[in-house]
Amino acid sequence: MAEKIYPMLIGGKQVTTASAFDVMNPATGEIVGQAPELDEAGVESVLVEAQAGFERWSAMSGAERKAVLLRYVDVLEANRARLVELLQLETGKPQDNAEYDFGMLGQCLRFFVEEVERLDQPVLHDPEGRFMHYMLRQPLGVCVGVLAWNFPLLNVAYKIGPALAAGCSVILKPSPETPLASLEVAYLAKEAGLPDGVLNMVTSQDHEAVRPLLTSEVPALVTMIGSTRGGLEVMNAACTSVKHFSVELGGNSPVVVYSDADVVDAAHKVVDLKFVNCGQVCVSPNRCFVHESVYDAFVEAAVKRAATVEVGPLITERARASVLAMVEEAVREGATLCCGGMPKEGPGFSMEPTILSDVQQPMRVVREEIFGPVLPIVSFSDADDEVALANDTPYGLAAYVFTTDLKTGLRAARDIQAGSVCVNEPHYSVQLPHGGLKQSGVGKDCSQYSIEEYLTLKRVSVLLD
């Protein structure tokens, strides 16, 4: 029996093409649906429709847009069970992870329709008293978003929340590994009354098919969630005209556990975050630096905690093989395998939660972002500069510090080069900005700082005298 094809959404219409690609459940290896391959006609159409959608949407009042977006939240909530089930089919996620992924849609849409009303548009002082100067914020334009597969609906939410609240239109391309639930989310926008062309979604496995969306002069902003290499390719392709960029890229986040930390609490919190989504999280703690005086106690507590966690599959067999190869290489180079390190029996691409001790800084498992269920633990002493160890990476997305000393925590938070530093507990929410330093990206998702990415900043001067 032929698999169900989930059409693209272009200008409010569901669109298929001559070819489609399979979407596989990584927990079972079974094909669960198909999505169309974007073609040249689709590219031309979606650019025209998105521009028309922007003109319609940006001309509406903020109150009108708010009403539509809140109706959209209600429609999404009414379809929660169906969307979560489909999300689990294409990602293999456990139920709680899928519910969280879906839940970010409503959280982001609700937050940003309120946040846009709080935007500051200040009046500026005129030294001579002849002018009234003020700042005006207006919707930026058409936005193209290239999204990752690890949290499909959260990634959609991070983009449509601020973009639609600001009055922009969007063209989203979900990952070819996980496009199905995202497409269903897009279809429901019409039911909520979102004007045609405001939310468009296209699919493809072919990077070259998407390139014309990036090279076109229509988009005002290109945004992305993905790897640093992928981000550089997207930004390079888009630089055929002046555009805004907001990209959240690779992480390889450090943890620093000081000698005065609550060791068991730290181990539990690090392990719990590490194995969320099978370690396939951009802010996952990937390099765990623990003071030598509490090192053994931390490793013991981490191993015990790891035995209690439930993990889903890695996204592909290739991804699992790559992670397993990094573990094997680390063990050959002297690391100790404390737990895990093997594929799980049965169908799909699952792997045991893995903890490595006796890990050294030069090992590849430390130098490269793992993106899998592996926690390498590195010992440091008073003679080491632990902040320098944490900063010894081209990335700077997130970092975690555990200490009971206020000065130590504040100093580490100041000096660690990361877009987010959490002291004594990892914490993320739509109210807080999320984005990286160095090679981890530019711009922010979430918070008031995200919505500013989707707005122009215009100065107006009116002669009074």
Protein backbone atom coordinates (compact mmCIF):
# COMPACT_ATOMS: atom_id res chain seq x y z
CA MET A 1 0.00 0.00 0.00
CA ALA A 2 1.32 3.44 -0.92
CA GLU A 3 2.31 5.65 1.98
CA LYS A 4 0.28 8.76 2.72
CA ILE A 5 1.72 11.91 1.15
CA TYR A 6 1.62 15.05 3.28
CA PRO A 7 1.45 18.00 0.86
CA MET A 8 3.34 21.25 1.17
CA LEU A 9 1.40 24.41 2.07
CA ILE A 10 1.85 27.28 -0.40
CA GLY A 11 -0.44 30.29 -0.40
CA GLY A 12 -3.07 28.47 1.65
CA LYS A 13 -3.21 25.53 -0.79
CA GLN A 14 -1.93 22.00 -0.23
CA VAL A 15 0.55 21.25 -3.00
CA THR A 16 2.17 18.01 -4.17
CA THR A 17 4.80 17.51 -6.87
CA ALA A 18 5.88 14.76 -9.22
CA SER A 19 8.20 13.18 -6.66
CA ALA A 20 8.17 12.52 -2.93
CA PHE A 21 10.51 11.12 -0.29
CA ASP A 22 9.96 8.67 2.56
CA VAL A 23 9.87 9.60 6.24
CA MET A 24 11.03 6.86 8.61
CA ASN A 25 10.24 6.20 12.27
CA PRO A 26 13.71 5.89 13.87
CA ALA A 27 12.29 3.77 16.70
CA THR A 28 11.12 1.03 14.33
CA GLY A 29 12.73 1.65 10.95
CA GLU A 30 9.27 1.71 9.34
CA ILE A 31 8.14 4.23 6.72
CA VAL A 32 5.34 6.37 8.20
CA GLY A 33 4.62 8.78 5.35
CA GLN A 34 5.97 10.79 2.46
CA ALA A 35 6.53 14.46 1.72
CA PRO A 36 6.89 16.19 -1.67
CA GLU A 37 10.16 17.24 -3.24
CA LEU A 38 10.07 20.99 -3.81
CA ASP A 39 10.39 21.82 -7.51
CA GLU A 40 11.15 25.01 -9.45
CA ALA A 41 7.48 25.89 -9.85
CA GLY A 42 6.99 25.51 -6.11
CA VAL A 43 9.87 27.87 -5.36
CA GLU A 44 8.51 30.54 -7.67
CA SER A 45 5.00 30.15 -6.30
CA VAL A 46 5.90 30.24 -2.61
CA LEU A 47 7.97 33.41 -2.99
CA VAL A 48 5.08 35.19 -4.72
CA GLU A 49 2.53 33.91 -2.20
CA ALA A 50 4.67 34.80 0.81
CA GLN A 51 5.14 38.35 -0.45
CA ALA A 52 1.40 38.72 -0.98
CA GLY A 53 0.77 37.19 2.43
CA PHE A 54 3.13 39.68 4.04
CA GLU A 55 1.32 42.60 2.45
CA ARG A 56 -2.03 41.33 3.75
CA TRP A 57 -0.82 40.38 7.22
CA SER A 58 1.28 43.47 7.91
CA ALA A 59 -1.65 45.72 6.90
CA MET A 60 -3.84 44.21 9.63
CA SER A 61 -3.89 45.80 13.06
CA GLY A 62 -2.04 44.21 15.94
CA ALA A 63 -5.37 43.43 17.60
CA GLU A 64 -6.61 41.63 14.49
CA ARG A 65 -3.42 39.58 14.23
CA LYS A 66 -3.60 38.72 17.92
CA ALA A 67 -7.14 37.41 17.60
CA VAL A 68 -6.19 35.17 14.67
CA LEU A 69 -3.10 33.79 16.41
CA LEU A 70 -4.98 33.02 19.61
CA ARG A 71 -7.60 31.18 17.54
CA TYR A 72 -4.71 29.27 15.98
CA VAL A 73 -3.59 28.19 19.45
CA ASP A 74 -7.10 26.93 20.19
CA VAL A 75 -7.19 24.96 16.93
CA LEU A 76 -3.79 23.43 17.65
CA GLU A 77 -4.85 22.43 21.16
CA ALA A 78 -7.99 20.81 19.78
CA ASN A 79 -5.75 18.63 17.60
CA ARG A 80 -3.13 17.91 20.27
CA ALA A 81 -3.58 14.14 20.49
CA ARG A 82 -3.39 13.63 16.73
CA LEU A 83 -0.35 15.88 16.32
CA VAL A 84 1.54 14.33 19.23
CA GLU A 85 0.87 10.84 17.86
CA LEU A 86 2.18 11.83 14.43
CA LEU A 87 5.19 13.53 16.00
CA GLN A 88 6.02 10.32 17.86
CA LEU A 89 5.66 8.29 14.68
CA GLU A 90 8.24 10.34 12.79
CA THR A 91 10.67 10.98 15.68
CA GLY A 92 10.32 7.95 17.96
CA LYS A 93 10.15 10.32 20.94
CA PRO A 94 8.81 9.16 24.31
CA GLN A 95 5.38 10.57 25.18
CA ASP A 96 6.58 13.24 27.64
CA ASN A 97 9.16 14.57 25.18
CA ALA A 98 6.60 14.74 22.37
CA GLU A 99 4.11 16.53 24.62
CA TYR A 100 6.76 19.12 25.52
CA ASP A 101 7.68 19.55 21.85
CA PHE A 102 4.04 20.17 20.90
CA GLY A 103 3.39 22.36 23.93
CA MET A 104 5.89 24.96 22.80
CA LEU A 105 3.59 25.91 19.92
CA GLY A 106 0.97 27.35 22.23
CA GLN A 107 3.52 28.80 24.63
CA CYS A 108 5.38 30.69 21.92
CA LEU A 109 2.30 31.98 20.10
CA ARG A 110 0.69 33.19 23.32
CA PHE A 111 3.89 34.80 24.58
CA PHE A 112 4.72 36.70 21.43
CA VAL A 113 1.24 38.11 20.78
CA GLU A 114 1.54 39.68 24.22
CA GLU A 115 5.21 40.62 23.92
CA VAL A 116 4.70 42.57 20.70
CA GLU A 117 2.35 44.88 22.61
CA ARG A 118 5.13 45.71 25.06
CA LEU A 119 7.66 46.83 22.46
CA ASP A 120 9.41 50.08 23.29
CA GLN A 121 9.12 52.83 20.66
CA PRO A 122 10.78 55.72 22.51
CA VAL A 123 10.77 59.45 21.89
CA LEU A 124 14.33 60.78 21.60
CA HIS A 125 15.61 64.06 23.00
CA ASP A 126 16.29 66.93 20.59
CA PRO A 127 19.04 69.24 21.95
CA GLU A 128 17.67 72.31 20.13
CA GLY A 129 14.02 71.63 20.85
CA ARG A 130 13.06 71.98 17.19
CA PHE A 131 12.12 68.37 16.42
CA MET A 132 10.23 65.51 17.93
CA HIS A 133 12.18 62.32 17.25
CA TYR A 134 10.76 58.87 17.83
CA MET A 135 11.55 55.27 16.95
CA LEU A 136 9.12 53.22 14.90
CA ARG A 137 9.14 49.43 14.66
CA GLN A 138 7.55 47.78 11.64
CA PRO A 139 7.35 44.20 10.28
CA LEU A 140 10.54 43.21 8.47
CA GLY A 141 9.06 41.24 5.56
CA VAL A 142 9.16 37.68 4.25
CA CYS A 143 11.20 35.31 6.45
CA VAL A 144 12.67 31.98 5.33
CA GLY A 145 13.34 29.40 8.04
CA VAL A 146 15.39 26.21 7.68
CA LEU A 147 14.68 23.95 10.65
CA ALA A 148 16.26 21.00 12.45
CA TRP A 149 14.77 17.59 13.16
CA ASN A 150 15.40 17.18 16.89
CA PHE A 151 12.41 19.21 18.15
CA PRO A 152 10.29 19.68 15.03
CA LEU A 153 7.34 21.54 16.55
CA LEU A 154 9.39 23.55 19.03
CA ASN A 155 11.52 24.72 16.13
CA VAL A 156 8.41 25.76 14.20
CA ALA A 157 7.16 27.57 17.32
CA TYR A 158 10.45 29.44 17.79
CA LYS A 159 10.03 30.90 14.29
CA ILE A 160 6.30 31.45 13.78
CA GLY A 161 5.79 32.87 17.27
CA PRO A 162 7.83 36.07 16.84
CA ALA A 163 7.51 36.30 13.05
CA LEU A 164 3.72 36.16 12.89
CA ALA A 165 3.25 38.32 15.98
CA ALA A 166 5.53 40.94 14.41
CA GLY A 167 3.47 40.96 11.19
CA CYS A 168 5.87 39.03 8.95
CA SER A 169 5.07 36.13 6.63
CA VAL A 170 7.14 32.95 6.71
CA ILE A 171 8.36 30.18 4.44
CA LEU A 172 9.47 27.26 6.59
CA LYS A 173 11.37 24.19 5.47
CA PRO A 174 11.28 21.50 8.16
CA SER A 175 13.94 18.83 8.18
CA PRO A 176 13.30 16.01 5.68
CA GLU A 177 13.74 13.56 8.58
CA THR A 178 10.75 14.97 10.47
CA PRO A 179 8.39 17.10 8.32
CA LEU A 180 5.02 15.45 8.88
CA ALA A 181 3.70 16.92 12.14
CA SER A 182 5.03 20.33 11.10
CA LEU A 183 3.04 20.14 7.86
CA GLU A 184 -0.12 19.25 9.77
CA VAL A 185 0.48 22.26 12.03
CA ALA A 186 0.70 24.45 8.93
CA TYR A 187 -2.56 23.10 7.48
CA LEU A 188 -4.43 24.09 10.65
CA ALA A 189 -3.48 27.75 10.21
CA LYS A 190 -6.16 28.10 7.54
CA GLU A 191 -8.80 26.72 9.89
CA ALA A 192 -7.83 29.44 12.38
CA GLY A 193 -8.29 32.16 9.77
CA LEU A 194 -4.67 32.98 9.01
CA PRO A 195 -4.66 34.72 5.60
CA ASP A 196 -3.29 32.74 2.67
CA GLY A 197 0.44 33.13 2.13
CA VAL A 198 1.26 34.15 5.71
CA LEU A 199 2.44 30.69 6.77
CA ASN A 200 3.94 28.57 4.00
CA MET A 201 5.77 25.26 4.38
CA VAL A 202 7.86 23.44 1.79
CA THR A 203 9.78 20.16 1.93
CA SER A 204 12.81 18.69 0.21
CA GLN A 205 15.75 16.37 0.72
CA ASP A 206 17.74 18.32 -1.85
CA HIS A 207 19.70 21.33 -0.59
CA GLU A 208 19.98 22.65 -4.14
CA ALA A 209 16.20 22.70 -4.53
CA VAL A 210 15.96 25.06 -1.57
CA ARG A 211 18.83 27.32 -2.64
CA PRO A 212 16.62 29.62 -4.80
CA LEU A 213 14.63 30.50 -1.68
CA LEU A 214 17.86 31.73 -0.13
CA THR A 215 19.30 33.51 -3.16
CA SER A 216 16.04 35.32 -3.94
CA GLU A 217 15.75 39.01 -3.11
CA VAL A 218 12.25 38.45 -1.69
CA PRO A 219 13.23 37.27 1.82
CA ALA A 220 14.19 40.01 4.26
CA LEU A 221 15.42 37.53 6.86
CA VAL A 222 16.87 34.03 6.79
CA THR A 223 16.71 32.07 10.01
CA MET A 224 17.95 28.59 10.80
CA ILE A 225 18.31 25.98 13.52
CA GLY A 226 20.99 23.41 12.76
CA SER A 227 24.69 22.67 12.62
CA THR A 228 27.37 25.32 12.27
CA ARG A 229 28.45 23.85 8.94
CA GLY A 230 24.88 23.95 7.68
CA GLY A 231 24.43 27.49 8.96
CA LEU A 232 27.48 28.70 7.12
CA GLU A 233 26.22 27.09 3.91
CA VAL A 234 22.81 28.72 4.29
CA MET A 235 24.20 32.17 5.07
CA ASN A 236 26.71 31.96 2.25
CA ALA A 237 23.97 31.03 -0.23
CA ALA A 238 21.74 33.85 0.99
CA CYS A 239 24.35 36.58 0.58
CA THR A 240 23.27 37.41 -2.97
CA SER A 241 21.43 40.39 -1.47
CA VAL A 242 21.44 42.15 1.89
CA LYS A 243 19.40 40.12 4.38
CA HIS A 244 19.02 39.81 8.12
CA PHE A 245 20.17 36.57 9.78
CA SER A 246 19.13 34.81 12.95
CA VAL A 247 20.76 31.39 13.25
CA GLU A 248 21.13 29.01 16.18
CA LEU A 249 23.91 26.55 15.44
CA GLY A 250 26.22 23.98 17.08
CA GLY A 251 26.70 23.76 20.83
CA ASN A 252 29.20 21.40 22.55
CA SER A 253 28.21 22.94 25.87
CA PRO A 254 30.49 22.65 28.92
CA VAL A 255 29.63 21.83 32.52
CA VAL A 256 31.89 22.93 35.39
CA VAL A 257 31.35 21.20 38.75
CA TYR A 258 33.37 22.84 41.53
CA SER A 259 34.62 21.12 44.67
CA ASP A 260 31.97 22.79 46.85
CA ALA A 261 29.03 21.75 44.67
CA ASP A 262 26.21 19.49 45.82
CA VAL A 263 27.64 16.58 43.87
CA VAL A 264 24.62 14.29 43.74
CA ASP A 265 22.29 17.13 42.81
CA ALA A 266 24.69 18.26 40.09
CA ALA A 267 25.07 14.73 38.71
CA HIS A 268 21.31 14.21 38.56
CA LYS A 269 20.66 17.51 36.79
CA VAL A 270 23.46 17.00 34.28
CA VAL A 271 22.38 13.45 33.47
CA ASP A 272 18.72 14.41 33.19
CA LEU A 273 19.52 17.13 30.64
CA LYS A 274 22.19 15.09 28.85
CA PHE A 275 19.85 12.25 27.94
CA VAL A 276 16.81 14.32 26.98
CA ASN A 277 15.90 13.44 23.40
CA CYS A 278 18.70 10.84 23.38
CA GLY A 279 21.28 13.64 23.68
CA GLN A 280 20.11 15.24 20.44
CA VAL A 281 19.72 18.72 21.92
CA CYS A 282 21.70 21.81 20.95
CA VAL A 283 22.19 22.81 24.62
CA SER A 284 23.01 19.30 25.79
CA PRO A 285 25.92 19.15 28.28
CA ASN A 286 28.67 17.58 26.19
CA ARG A 287 31.87 18.32 28.12
CA CYS A 288 31.62 17.76 31.86
CA PHE A 289 34.56 19.18 33.86
CA VAL A 290 34.52 17.99 37.49
CA HIS A 291 36.97 18.95 40.24
CA GLU A 292 39.22 16.05 41.17
CA SER A 293 38.13 16.13 44.83
CA VAL A 294 34.55 15.20 43.92
CA TYR A 295 35.22 13.42 40.64
CA ASP A 296 34.65 9.83 41.76
CA ALA A 297 31.50 10.75 43.68
CA PHE A 298 30.12 12.60 40.66
CA VAL A 299 30.82 9.71 38.29
CA GLU A 300 29.18 7.23 40.67
CA ALA A 301 26.06 9.38 41.07
CA ALA A 302 25.86 10.01 37.32
CA VAL A 303 26.05 6.30 36.48
CA LYS A 304 23.30 5.49 38.98
CA ARG A 305 21.10 8.23 37.58
CA ALA A 306 21.71 7.15 33.97
CA ALA A 307 20.28 3.72 34.80
CA THR A 308 16.90 5.35 35.50
CA VAL A 309 16.44 7.44 32.35
CA GLU A 310 14.35 6.55 29.31
CA VAL A 311 15.76 7.54 25.94
CA GLY A 312 14.31 7.38 22.46
CA PRO A 313 16.24 6.56 19.29
CA LEU A 314 18.86 8.50 17.42
CA ILE A 315 17.49 9.99 14.25
CA THR A 316 19.23 7.64 11.74
CA GLU A 317 21.42 4.56 11.68
CA ARG A 318 24.21 6.77 10.36
CA ALA A 319 23.90 9.06 13.38
CA ARG A 320 24.03 6.11 15.77
CA ALA A 321 27.06 4.63 14.02
CA SER A 322 28.86 7.97 14.25
CA VAL A 323 28.21 8.30 17.99
CA LEU A 324 29.25 4.70 18.68
CA ALA A 325 32.46 5.28 16.72
CA MET A 326 33.31 8.28 18.91
CA VAL A 327 32.78 6.19 22.04
CA GLU A 328 34.97 3.36 20.72
CA GLU A 329 37.70 5.82 19.77
CA ALA A 330 37.65 7.42 23.23
CA VAL A 331 37.96 4.01 24.93
CA ARG A 332 40.90 3.10 22.68
CA GLU A 333 42.57 6.36 23.72
CA GLY A 334 42.21 5.61 27.44
CA ALA A 335 38.71 6.62 28.50
CA THR A 336 36.80 4.28 30.82
CA LEU A 337 33.36 3.09 29.74
CA CYS A 338 31.29 3.39 32.93
CA CYS A 339 27.96 2.39 31.40
CA GLY A 340 26.29 1.96 28.04
CA GLY A 341 28.29 2.22 24.85
CA MET A 342 26.24 -0.29 22.88
CA PRO A 343 23.27 -0.26 20.49
CA LYS A 344 20.01 -1.36 22.07
CA GLU A 345 18.60 -4.64 20.85
CA GLY A 346 15.57 -4.58 18.59
CA PRO A 347 14.42 -2.44 15.68
CA GLY A 348 15.28 1.19 15.18
CA PHE A 349 18.34 3.24 16.02
CA SER A 350 18.43 3.28 19.82
CA MET A 351 21.59 3.32 21.92
CA GLU A 352 22.27 2.82 25.62
CA PRO A 353 22.88 5.93 27.75
CA THR A 354 26.66 6.14 27.94
CA ILE A 355 29.03 7.69 30.47
CA LEU A 356 32.79 7.94 29.96
CA SER A 357 35.29 8.75 32.72
CA ASP A 358 39.06 9.34 32.54
CA VAL A 359 38.42 11.47 29.47
CA GLN A 360 41.13 13.85 28.29
CA GLN A 361 40.64 17.25 26.69
CA PRO A 362 42.29 16.37 23.32
CA MET A 363 39.90 13.45 22.65
CA ARG A 364 37.45 13.85 19.79
CA VAL A 365 34.56 13.04 22.13
CA VAL A 366 35.39 16.35 23.86
CA ARG A 367 36.45 18.41 20.86
CA GLU A 368 33.40 17.70 18.69
CA GLU A 369 29.70 18.04 19.46
CA ILE A 370 28.44 14.51 20.14
CA PHE A 371 24.69 14.92 19.52
CA GLY A 372 23.96 11.59 21.13
CA PRO A 373 23.51 9.93 24.55
CA VAL A 374 27.14 10.18 25.67
CA LEU A 375 28.47 12.13 28.67
CA PRO A 376 32.28 12.49 28.78
CA ILE A 377 33.55 13.47 32.26
CA VAL A 378 36.92 15.25 32.55
CA SER A 379 38.78 15.83 35.82
CA PHE A 380 40.37 19.19 36.66
CA SER A 381 42.51 20.34 39.60
CA ASP A 382 43.21 23.61 41.40
CA ALA A 383 46.19 24.05 39.07
CA ASP A 384 43.90 24.11 36.01
CA ASP A 385 42.03 27.09 34.64
CA GLU A 386 38.60 25.50 34.47
CA VAL A 387 37.08 28.47 32.64
CA ALA A 388 39.77 28.24 29.97
CA LEU A 389 38.93 24.54 29.59
CA ALA A 390 35.26 25.40 29.17
CA ASN A 391 36.11 28.08 26.60
CA ASP A 392 38.48 25.84 24.62
CA THR A 393 36.02 25.35 21.77
CA PRO A 394 34.85 27.30 18.74
CA TYR A 395 31.28 27.06 20.07
CA GLY A 396 29.46 29.12 22.66
CA LEU A 397 25.78 28.25 22.91
CA ALA A 398 25.22 27.26 26.55
CA ALA A 399 27.13 26.36 29.70
CA TYR A 400 26.36 24.99 33.17
CA VAL A 401 28.08 25.73 36.48
CA PHE A 402 27.58 23.99 39.83
CA THR A 403 28.90 25.61 43.02
CA THR A 404 27.64 26.76 46.43
CA ASP A 405 29.93 29.80 46.41
CA LEU A 406 28.27 32.95 45.04
CA LYS A 407 31.50 34.59 43.90
CA THR A 408 32.63 31.45 42.10
CA GLY A 409 29.32 31.16 40.28
CA LEU A 410 29.22 34.82 39.27
CA ARG A 411 32.83 34.78 38.08
CA ALA A 412 32.29 31.66 35.99
CA ALA A 413 29.07 33.07 34.51
CA ARG A 414 30.91 36.26 33.58
CA ASP A 415 33.94 34.60 32.03
CA ILE A 416 32.52 31.55 30.24
CA GLN A 417 31.91 32.39 26.58
CA ALA A 418 28.35 31.23 25.98
CA GLY A 419 25.03 32.79 25.10
CA SER A 420 23.40 31.21 28.17
CA VAL A 421 25.03 30.23 31.46
CA CYS A 422 22.93 28.38 34.05
CA VAL A 423 24.24 28.21 37.62
CA ASN A 424 23.12 25.23 39.74
CA GLU A 425 20.19 24.26 37.51
CA PRO A 426 19.60 24.20 33.75
CA HIS A 427 16.70 26.46 32.88
CA TYR A 428 15.08 27.43 29.59
CA SER A 429 11.76 29.10 28.78
CA VAL A 430 10.14 31.19 26.08
CA GLN A 431 10.64 34.28 28.27
CA LEU A 432 14.44 33.89 28.18
CA PRO A 433 16.67 34.64 25.17
CA HIS A 434 18.29 31.64 23.52
CA GLY A 435 21.22 31.98 21.16
CA GLY A 436 24.96 31.57 20.90
CA LEU A 437 28.30 33.30 20.76
CA LYS A 438 31.31 32.51 18.56
CA GLN A 439 30.45 29.79 16.00
CA SER A 440 27.14 28.97 17.66
CA GLY A 441 25.21 31.59 15.73
CA VAL A 442 23.87 35.12 15.68
CA GLY A 443 20.55 36.50 16.89
CA LYS A 444 18.15 35.13 19.48
CA ASP A 445 15.17 32.83 19.74
CA CYS A 446 12.60 33.39 22.49
CA SER A 447 12.10 36.51 24.68
CA GLN A 448 11.71 40.14 23.69
CA TYR A 449 15.07 39.96 21.95
CA SER A 450 13.76 37.42 19.46
CA ILE A 451 10.84 39.52 18.26
CA GLU A 452 13.25 42.38 17.56
CA GLU A 453 14.84 40.18 14.89
CA TYR A 454 11.60 40.41 12.89
CA LEU A 455 11.10 44.18 13.09
CA THR A 456 12.71 47.18 11.44
CA LEU A 457 13.97 50.06 13.57
CA LYS A 458 13.09 53.35 11.91
CA ARG A 459 13.87 56.85 13.23
CA VAL A 460 11.25 59.54 12.52
CA SER A 461 11.95 63.27 13.00
CA VAL A 462 9.10 65.80 12.86
CA LEU A 463 9.88 69.53 12.68
CA LEU A 464 8.02 71.40 15.40
CA ASP A 465 9.47 74.89 14.99
